[in-house]
C-alpha atoms as a PDB file:
ATOM      1  CA  UNK A   1      24.281  -2.382-176.080  1.00  0.00           C
ATOM      2  CA  UNK A   2      20.868  -3.786-175.256  1.00  0.00           C
ATOM      3  CA  UNK A   3      19.291  -3.521-171.832  1.00  0.00           C
ATOM      4  CA  UNK A   4      17.195  -6.497-170.872  1.00  0.00           C
ATOM      5  CA  UNK A   5      14.697  -6.710-168.035  1.00  0.00           C
ATOM      6  CA  UNK A   6      15.232  -9.367-165.431  1.00  0.00           C
ATOM      7  CA  UNK A   7      12.950 -12.315-165.960  1.00  0.00           C
ATOM      8  CA  UNK A   8      11.537 -14.424-163.160  1.00  0.00           C
ATOM      9  CA  UNK A   9      13.236 -17.775-163.000  1.00  0.00           C
ATOM     10  CA  UNK A  10      16.545 -16.482-164.382  1.00  0.00           C
ATOM     11  CA  UNK A  11      19.773 -17.554-162.733  1.00  0.00           C
ATOM     12  CA  UNK A  12      20.077 -14.090-161.132  1.00  0.00           C
ATOM     13  CA  UNK A  13      16.692 -14.156-159.382  1.00  0.00           C
ATOM     14  CA  UNK A  14      18.035 -15.556-156.073  1.00  0.00           C
ATOM     15  CA  UNK A  15      20.692 -12.813-155.929  1.00  0.00           C
ATOM     16  CA  UNK A  16      18.165 -10.074-156.662  1.00  0.00           C
ATOM     17  CA  UNK A  17      15.858 -11.492-153.994  1.00  0.00           C
ATOM     18  CA  UNK A  18      18.769 -11.634-151.532  1.00  0.00           C
ATOM     19  CA  UNK A  19      19.621  -7.966-152.248  1.00  0.00           C
ATOM     20  CA  UNK A  20      15.993  -6.959-151.640  1.00  0.00           C
ATOM     21  CA  UNK A  21      15.983  -8.838-148.332  1.00  0.00           C
ATOM     22  CA  UNK A  22      19.243  -7.199-147.219  1.00  0.00           C
ATOM     23  CA  UNK A  23      17.837  -3.752-148.148  1.00  0.00           C
ATOM     24  CA  UNK A  24      14.683  -4.499-146.156  1.00  0.00           C
ATOM     25  CA  UNK A  25      16.728  -5.543-143.095  1.00  0.00           C
ATOM     26  CA  UNK A  26      18.803  -2.337-143.204  1.00  0.00           C
ATOM     27  CA  UNK A  27      15.657  -0.228-143.647  1.00  0.00           C
ATOM     28  CA  UNK A  28      14.084  -1.787-140.556  1.00  0.00           C
ATOM     29  CA  UNK A  29      17.283  -1.545-138.491  1.00  0.00           C
ATOM     30  CA  UNK A  30      17.683   2.199-139.067  1.00  0.00           C
ATOM     31  CA  UNK A  31      14.076   3.404-139.342  1.00  0.00           C
ATOM     32  CA  UNK A  32      13.977   4.385-135.640  1.00  0.00           C
ATOM     33  CA  UNK A  33      16.679   6.967-136.421  1.00  0.00           C
ATOM     34  CA  UNK A  34      14.736   8.428-139.344  1.00  0.00           C
ATOM     35  CA  UNK A  35      17.145   6.910-141.860  1.00  0.00           C
ATOM     36  CA  UNK A  36      15.972   4.940-144.838  1.00  0.00           C
ATOM     37  CA  UNK A  37      18.670   3.283-146.921  1.00  0.00           C
ATOM     38  CA  UNK A  38      16.711   2.326-150.008  1.00  0.00           C
ATOM     39  CA  UNK A  39      14.328   4.929-151.333  1.00  0.00           C
ATOM     40  CA  UNK A  40      11.608   4.376-153.894  1.00  0.00           C
ATOM     41  CA  UNK A  41      10.235   7.555-155.502  1.00  0.00           C
ATOM     42  CA  UNK A  42      12.064   9.768-153.074  1.00  0.00           C
ATOM     43  CA  UNK A  43      15.364  10.960-151.693  1.00  0.00           C
ATOM     44  CA  UNK A  44      17.044  11.721-148.405  1.00  0.00           C
ATOM     45  CA  UNK A  45      18.307  15.295-148.042  1.00  0.00           C
ATOM     46  CA  UNK A  46      21.569  15.694-146.166  1.00  0.00           C
ATOM     47  CA  UNK A  47      21.318  17.309-142.730  1.00  0.00           C
ATOM     48  CA  UNK A  48      23.668  19.024-140.295  1.00  0.00           C
ATOM     49  CA  UNK A  49      22.518  19.291-136.677  1.00  0.00           C
ATOM     50  CA  UNK A  50      24.595  21.353-134.284  1.00  0.00           C
ATOM     51  CA  UNK A  51      24.207  23.071-130.939  1.00  0.00           C
ATOM     52  CA  UNK A  52      25.336  26.485-129.735  1.00  0.00           C
ATOM     53  CA  UNK A  53      25.018  28.019-126.283  1.00  0.00           C
ATOM     54  CA  UNK A  54      21.673  29.551-127.287  1.00  0.00           C
ATOM     55  CA  UNK A  55      20.058  27.098-129.725  1.00  0.00           C
ATOM     56  CA  UNK A  56      19.904  23.769-131.488  1.00  0.00           C
ATOM     57  CA  UNK A  57      20.276  24.310-135.239  1.00  0.00           C
ATOM     58  CA  UNK A  58      19.320  22.121-138.167  1.00  0.00           C
ATOM     59  CA  UNK A  59      20.471  22.775-141.723  1.00  0.00           C
ATOM     60  CA  UNK A  60      19.054  20.669-144.547  1.00  0.00           C
ATOM     61  CA  UNK A  61      20.154  20.667-148.193  1.00  0.00           C
ATOM     62  CA  UNK A  62      17.075  20.550-150.429  1.00  0.00           C
ATOM     63  CA  UNK A  63      17.918  22.352-153.673  1.00  0.00           C
ATOM     64  CA  UNK A  64      15.264  22.587-156.347  1.00  0.00           C
ATOM     65  CA  UNK A  65      12.329  22.522-153.944  1.00  0.00           C
ATOM     66  CA  UNK A  66       9.987  25.471-153.748  1.00  0.00           C
ATOM     67  CA  UNK A  67       9.331  26.921-150.298  1.00  0.00           C
ATOM     68  CA  UNK A  68       5.609  26.222-150.764  1.00  0.00           C
ATOM     69  CA  UNK A  69       6.353  22.495-151.203  1.00  0.00           C
ATOM     70  CA  UNK A  70       7.810  22.235-147.673  1.00  0.00           C
ATOM     71  CA  UNK A  71       5.894  21.262-144.544  1.00  0.00           C
ATOM     72  CA  UNK A  72       7.580  21.747-141.160  1.00  0.00           C
ATOM     73  CA  UNK A  73       5.825  20.487-138.045  1.00  0.00           C
ATOM     74  CA  UNK A  74       7.061  20.669-134.445  1.00  0.00           C
ATOM     75  CA  UNK A  75       4.906  18.711-132.042  1.00  0.00           C
ATOM     76  CA  UNK A  76       5.453  16.719-128.835  1.00  0.00           C
ATOM     77  CA  UNK A  77       9.224  17.048-129.015  1.00  0.00           C
ATOM     78  CA  UNK A  78       9.517  15.840-132.617  1.00  0.00           C
ATOM     79  CA  UNK A  79      10.421  18.051-135.564  1.00  0.00           C
ATOM     80  CA  UNK A  80       9.257  16.680-138.932  1.00  0.00           C
ATOM     81  CA  UNK A  81      10.231  18.187-142.271  1.00  0.00           C
ATOM     82  CA  UNK A  82       8.422  16.963-145.381  1.00  0.00           C
ATOM     83  CA  UNK A  83       8.768  18.091-148.942  1.00  0.00           C
ATOM     84  CA  UNK A  84       8.300  17.153-152.543  1.00  0.00           C
ATOM     85  CA  UNK A  85      10.472  17.850-155.549  1.00  0.00           C
ATOM     86  CA  UNK A  86       8.554  17.497-158.773  1.00  0.00           C
ATOM     87  CA  UNK A  87       9.968  16.519-162.134  1.00  0.00           C
ATOM     88  CA  UNK A  88       8.077  18.814-164.464  1.00  0.00           C
ATOM     89  CA  UNK A  89      10.083  18.459-167.645  1.00  0.00           C
ATOM     90  CA  UNK A  90       8.268  17.963-170.894  1.00  0.00           C
ATOM     91  CA  UNK A  91      10.945  17.542-173.543  1.00  0.00           C
ATOM     92  CA  UNK A  92       9.981  14.966-176.102  1.00  0.00           C
ATOM     93  CA  UNK A  93      12.721  16.065-178.494  1.00  0.00           C
ATOM     94  CA  UNK A  94      15.389  14.327-176.395  1.00  0.00           C
ATOM     95  CA  UNK A  95      15.948  10.620-176.113  1.00  0.00           C
ATOM     96  CA  UNK A  96      17.349  10.243-172.590  1.00  0.00           C
ATOM     97  CA  UNK A  97      19.678   7.348-171.838  1.00  0.00           C
ATOM     98  CA  UNK A  98      20.490   8.551-168.352  1.00  0.00           C
ATOM     99  CA  UNK A  99      18.531  11.035-166.240  1.00  0.00           C
ATOM    100  CA  UNK A 100      20.036  11.617-162.786  1.00  0.00           C
ATOM    101  CA  UNK A 101      17.951  14.457-161.411  1.00  0.00           C
ATOM    102  CA  UNK A 102      16.429  13.500-158.116  1.00  0.00           C
ATOM    103  CA  UNK A 103      12.730  13.984-157.606  1.00  0.00           C
ATOM    104  CA  UNK A 104      10.069  12.621-155.320  1.00  0.00           C
ATOM    105  CA  UNK A 105       9.119  13.203-151.732  1.00  0.00           C
ATOM    106  CA  UNK A 106      10.986  13.019-148.455  1.00  0.00           C
ATOM    107  CA  UNK A 107      10.256  13.107-144.761  1.00  0.00           C
ATOM    108  CA  UNK A 108      12.825  13.537-141.975  1.00  0.00           C
ATOM    109  CA  UNK A 109      12.013  13.542-138.268  1.00  0.00           C
ATOM    110  CA  UNK A 110      14.200  14.582-135.341  1.00  0.00           C
ATOM    111  CA  UNK A 111      13.639  14.223-131.610  1.00  0.00           C
ATOM    112  CA  UNK A 112      14.121  17.643-130.027  1.00  0.00           C
ATOM    113  CA  UNK A 113      15.729  18.018-126.573  1.00  0.00           C
ATOM    114  CA  UNK A 114      13.526  19.094-123.659  1.00  0.00           C
ATOM    115  CA  UNK A 115      15.560  22.284-123.164  1.00  0.00           C
ATOM    116  CA  UNK A 116      14.279  23.757-126.471  1.00  0.00           C
ATOM    117  CA  UNK A 117      11.609  26.473-126.452  1.00  0.00           C
ATOM    118  CA  UNK A 118       9.319  25.130-129.195  1.00  0.00           C
ATOM    119  CA  UNK A 119       7.269  28.350-129.300  1.00  0.00           C
ATOM    120  CA  UNK A 120      10.317  30.364-130.424  1.00  0.00           C
ATOM    121  CA  UNK A 121      11.406  28.032-133.266  1.00  0.00           C
ATOM    122  CA  UNK A 122      12.177  29.709-136.617  1.00  0.00           C
ATOM    123  CA  UNK A 123      12.759  28.413-140.132  1.00  0.00           C
ATOM    124  CA  UNK A 124      14.427  30.112-143.095  1.00  0.00           C
ATOM    125  CA  UNK A 125      14.799  28.754-146.630  1.00  0.00           C
ATOM    126  CA  UNK A 126      17.363  30.298-148.938  1.00  0.00           C
ATOM    127  CA  UNK A 127      19.390  29.030-151.918  1.00  0.00           C
ATOM    128  CA  UNK A 128      18.301  25.421-151.396  1.00  0.00           C
ATOM    129  CA  UNK A 129      19.247  25.343-147.700  1.00  0.00           C
ATOM    130  CA  UNK A 130      16.581  25.080-145.004  1.00  0.00           C
ATOM    131  CA  UNK A 131      17.800  26.479-141.675  1.00  0.00           C
ATOM    132  CA  UNK A 132      15.809  25.762-138.538  1.00  0.00           C
ATOM    133  CA  UNK A 133      16.737  27.486-135.290  1.00  0.00           C
ATOM    134  CA  UNK A 134      15.376  26.012-132.067  1.00  0.00           C
ATOM    135  CA  UNK A 135      16.232  28.444-129.243  1.00  0.00           C
ATOM    136  CA  UNK A 136      16.917  27.000-125.823  1.00  0.00           C
ATOM    137  CA  UNK A 137      14.732  27.852-122.838  1.00  0.00           C
ATOM    138  CA  UNK A 138      16.129  30.553-120.566  1.00  0.00           C
ATOM    139  CA  UNK A 139      16.762  28.128-117.709  1.00  0.00           C
ATOM    140  CA  UNK A 140      18.824  25.963-120.053  1.00  0.00           C
ATOM    141  CA  UNK A 141      21.038  28.955-120.941  1.00  0.00           C
ATOM    142  CA  UNK A 142      22.020  29.686-117.356  1.00  0.00           C
ATOM    143  CA  UNK A 143      25.682  29.354-116.691  1.00  0.00           C
ATOM    144  CA  UNK A 144      26.800  26.477-114.556  1.00  0.00           C
ATOM    145  CA  UNK A 145      27.434  27.294-110.912  1.00  0.00           C
ATOM    146  CA  UNK A 146      30.823  26.249-109.639  1.00  0.00           C
ATOM    147  CA  UNK A 147      30.583  24.408-106.345  1.00  0.00           C
ATOM    148  CA  UNK A 148      33.282  24.728-103.744  1.00  0.00           C
ATOM    149  CA  UNK A 149      34.548  21.493-102.296  1.00  0.00           C
ATOM    150  CA  UNK A 150      34.504  21.305 -98.492  1.00  0.00           C
END
C-alpha cells in the first residue's frame, strides 16, 4: 500500500480546503472557552472542574509530563496551565508505520470565580494528574441565613 501526498490541483483539493475552513471556524467559535478543536504540534489535556463547600478544584490529566515542564499562573482571576511533553526517542532501528504518542505543548486557561482566595491556591502533581485546589474566601463559606417571612 503506497501513501501519496496530496497534490495541489487534484480533485480532492476543494474538499481539503473546505475541511480546513470548517476547522478554522470551529477553532474561532470555541476559543473564548479555552477550547481548540484542531491542534498542530500540541494536545488538549482532559480536565475535571468541580466545586465543594470549601474550594473550587481542577484536575487535569497530563501523563508523561515532568513536573518541571509545567507552568501554572494565577493572575487577575484567570488560571493558566501550560506544559510541554517532549518526544525524546532516538530509535533508528525501528521503521515506524504508525506512532500515536502525543507530544507537543498545551495551554489551558480558566476564569476563576471572585469567591476564591487566590493567595491560598495549591497545586499537586502525582501519577500524571495535576490537582489544583482553589480555596474559597471565608465570607463565601458562610452558611446561608434563613429569613423568616412576615
